[in-house]
N, C-alpha and C. Protein backbone atom coordinates (compact mmCIF):
# COMPACT_ATOMS: atom_id res chain seq x y z
N MET A 1 235.12 122.06 -6.29
CA MET A 1 234.45 123.17 -5.63
C MET A 1 234.73 123.01 -4.15
N HIS A 2 234.83 124.15 -3.48
CA HIS A 2 235.09 124.10 -2.03
C HIS A 2 233.81 124.60 -1.25
N ALA A 3 233.76 124.07 -0.05
CA ALA A 3 232.62 124.43 0.81
C ALA A 3 233.04 124.25 2.31
N THR A 4 232.15 124.49 3.20
CA THR A 4 232.40 124.33 4.64
C THR A 4 231.38 123.33 5.16
N ALA A 5 231.91 122.33 5.92
CA ALA A 5 230.97 121.39 6.56
C ALA A 5 230.11 122.12 7.51
N TYR A 6 228.77 121.84 7.40
CA TYR A 6 227.77 122.51 8.20
C TYR A 6 227.14 121.63 9.23
N THR A 7 226.66 120.48 8.77
CA THR A 7 226.10 119.43 9.68
C THR A 7 226.70 118.06 9.24
N TYR A 8 226.75 117.15 10.22
CA TYR A 8 227.13 115.78 9.86
C TYR A 8 226.53 114.85 10.96
N ASP A 9 225.90 113.77 10.48
CA ASP A 9 225.35 112.79 11.41
C ASP A 9 226.14 111.48 11.15
N ALA A 10 226.91 111.09 12.17
CA ALA A 10 227.79 109.90 12.04
C ALA A 10 226.94 108.62 11.82
N GLY A 11 225.73 108.59 12.37
CA GLY A 11 224.88 107.40 12.25
C GLY A 11 224.45 107.13 10.80
N THR A 12 224.15 108.19 10.07
CA THR A 12 223.69 108.03 8.73
C THR A 12 224.78 108.39 7.67
N ARG A 13 225.89 108.97 8.18
CA ARG A 13 226.99 109.42 7.35
C ARG A 13 226.54 110.43 6.32
N SER A 14 225.60 111.29 6.70
CA SER A 14 225.08 112.33 5.76
C SER A 14 225.05 113.65 6.50
N GLY A 15 224.84 114.71 5.76
CA GLY A 15 224.82 116.03 6.34
C GLY A 15 224.63 117.11 5.31
N GLN A 16 225.18 118.32 5.64
CA GLN A 16 225.09 119.42 4.70
C GLN A 16 226.40 120.17 4.70
N VAL A 17 226.69 120.77 3.57
CA VAL A 17 227.81 121.73 3.49
C VAL A 17 227.22 123.08 3.15
N LEU A 18 227.98 124.11 3.44
CA LEU A 18 227.59 125.45 2.98
C LEU A 18 228.53 125.92 1.89
N LEU A 19 228.02 126.25 0.74
CA LEU A 19 228.82 126.78 -0.31
C LEU A 19 229.35 128.15 0.14
N ASP A 20 230.32 128.66 -0.55
CA ASP A 20 230.89 129.95 -0.16
C ASP A 20 229.89 131.14 -0.20
N ASP A 21 228.82 130.95 -0.96
CA ASP A 21 227.79 131.99 -1.01
C ASP A 21 226.74 131.81 0.05
N GLY A 22 226.93 130.77 0.95
CA GLY A 22 225.99 130.53 2.06
C GLY A 22 224.91 129.55 1.77
N THR A 23 224.87 129.01 0.55
CA THR A 23 223.84 128.08 0.16
C THR A 23 224.06 126.70 0.76
N PRO A 24 223.12 126.14 1.55
CA PRO A 24 223.31 124.79 2.10
C PRO A 24 222.97 123.73 1.03
N VAL A 25 223.87 122.73 0.94
CA VAL A 25 223.64 121.65 -0.02
C VAL A 25 223.78 120.34 0.76
N PRO A 26 222.79 119.44 0.76
CA PRO A 26 222.91 118.19 1.50
C PRO A 26 223.78 117.19 0.75
N PHE A 27 224.37 116.28 1.52
CA PHE A 27 225.08 115.12 0.94
C PHE A 27 224.64 113.86 1.63
N ASP A 28 224.75 112.71 0.87
CA ASP A 28 224.29 111.45 1.45
C ASP A 28 225.49 110.58 1.77
N ALA A 29 225.21 109.39 2.29
CA ALA A 29 226.29 108.48 2.73
C ALA A 29 227.18 108.08 1.57
N ALA A 30 226.58 107.95 0.37
CA ALA A 30 227.40 107.52 -0.84
C ALA A 30 228.46 108.62 -1.10
N ALA A 31 228.08 109.88 -0.99
CA ALA A 31 229.04 111.00 -1.30
C ALA A 31 230.11 110.96 -0.21
N PHE A 32 229.72 110.77 1.08
CA PHE A 32 230.65 110.78 2.16
C PHE A 32 231.63 109.61 2.00
N ASP A 33 231.11 108.41 1.72
CA ASP A 33 231.92 107.21 1.57
C ASP A 33 232.93 107.32 0.36
N ALA A 34 232.49 108.02 -0.69
CA ALA A 34 233.35 108.18 -1.85
C ALA A 34 234.65 109.01 -1.51
N GLY A 35 234.56 109.86 -0.53
CA GLY A 35 235.70 110.62 -0.16
C GLY A 35 236.65 109.96 0.79
N GLY A 36 236.29 108.77 1.31
CA GLY A 36 237.16 108.02 2.19
C GLY A 36 237.31 108.64 3.60
N LEU A 37 236.43 109.48 3.98
CA LEU A 37 236.51 110.07 5.30
C LEU A 37 235.93 109.13 6.39
N ARG A 38 236.42 109.40 7.60
CA ARG A 38 235.85 108.58 8.72
C ARG A 38 235.03 109.48 9.65
N LEU A 39 235.30 110.75 9.62
CA LEU A 39 234.57 111.72 10.47
C LEU A 39 234.65 113.07 9.82
N LEU A 40 233.64 113.90 10.15
CA LEU A 40 233.57 115.25 9.62
C LEU A 40 233.03 116.15 10.72
N ARG A 41 233.74 117.26 10.96
CA ARG A 41 233.29 118.18 12.00
C ARG A 41 232.81 119.47 11.33
N PRO A 42 231.70 120.05 11.87
CA PRO A 42 231.25 121.30 11.34
C PRO A 42 232.35 122.34 11.37
N GLY A 43 232.44 123.11 10.31
CA GLY A 43 233.49 124.17 10.19
C GLY A 43 234.66 123.77 9.38
N GLN A 44 234.86 122.46 9.16
CA GLN A 44 236.00 122.03 8.34
C GLN A 44 235.74 122.39 6.87
N ARG A 45 236.84 122.85 6.24
CA ARG A 45 236.76 123.10 4.85
C ARG A 45 236.84 121.80 4.07
N VAL A 46 235.99 121.63 3.09
CA VAL A 46 235.93 120.45 2.32
C VAL A 46 235.97 120.75 0.85
N ARG A 47 236.32 119.73 0.08
CA ARG A 47 236.23 119.77 -1.37
C ARG A 47 235.08 118.87 -1.78
N ILE A 48 234.25 119.38 -2.69
CA ILE A 48 233.07 118.54 -3.08
C ILE A 48 233.07 118.48 -4.62
N GLU A 49 232.46 117.43 -5.08
CA GLU A 49 232.17 117.30 -6.49
C GLU A 49 230.68 117.18 -6.60
N THR A 50 230.07 117.79 -7.60
CA THR A 50 228.60 117.79 -7.75
C THR A 50 228.26 117.35 -9.18
N GLU A 51 226.99 117.02 -9.30
CA GLU A 51 226.42 116.77 -10.66
C GLU A 51 225.05 117.39 -10.71
N GLY A 52 224.60 117.78 -11.83
CA GLY A 52 223.33 118.41 -12.01
C GLY A 52 223.42 119.89 -11.73
N GLU A 53 222.29 120.59 -11.80
CA GLU A 53 222.23 122.00 -11.61
C GLU A 53 220.98 122.43 -10.89
N GLY A 54 221.01 123.62 -10.30
CA GLY A 54 219.83 124.15 -9.62
C GLY A 54 219.33 123.21 -8.52
N GLU A 55 218.01 123.06 -8.43
CA GLU A 55 217.41 122.20 -7.45
C GLU A 55 217.81 120.73 -7.63
N GLY A 56 218.27 120.32 -8.85
CA GLY A 56 218.66 118.94 -9.05
C GLY A 56 220.07 118.67 -8.74
N ARG A 57 220.86 119.67 -8.28
CA ARG A 57 222.25 119.47 -7.99
C ARG A 57 222.44 118.60 -6.75
N ARG A 58 223.34 117.58 -6.89
CA ARG A 58 223.63 116.76 -5.74
C ARG A 58 225.12 116.54 -5.64
N ILE A 59 225.56 116.32 -4.40
CA ILE A 59 227.01 116.12 -4.10
C ILE A 59 227.31 114.65 -4.35
N THR A 60 228.41 114.40 -5.09
CA THR A 60 228.79 113.00 -5.36
C THR A 60 230.05 112.66 -4.59
N LEU A 61 230.78 113.63 -4.02
CA LEU A 61 232.01 113.32 -3.27
C LEU A 61 232.26 114.46 -2.28
N VAL A 62 232.62 114.08 -1.05
CA VAL A 62 233.03 115.01 0.00
C VAL A 62 234.35 114.54 0.53
N THR A 63 235.35 115.42 0.50
CA THR A 63 236.64 115.07 1.09
C THR A 63 237.25 116.33 1.70
N LEU A 64 238.28 116.19 2.55
CA LEU A 64 238.86 117.32 3.16
C LEU A 64 239.67 118.16 2.13
N GLN A 65 239.60 119.43 2.33
CA GLN A 65 240.38 120.35 1.43
C GLN A 65 241.81 120.33 1.98
N THR A 66 242.75 120.22 1.05
CA THR A 66 244.15 120.27 1.42
C THR A 66 244.76 121.47 0.71
N PHE A 67 245.75 122.05 1.36
CA PHE A 67 246.36 123.23 0.75
C PHE A 67 247.65 122.90 0.05
């Protein structure tokens, strides 16, 4: 699934992405670390993997989208 980086805190390695429908979804340090990224800037397109549905959905991986 694709999204856009919305917020990122380098200290906690966590933040939020916006899904293409505008829904914000938070991610934690484990999801950020799983993608092997070192930095994330708001506005960057990312690829995410999630598990669960609805309010229980959580991001398990955040990485840069490549074309």
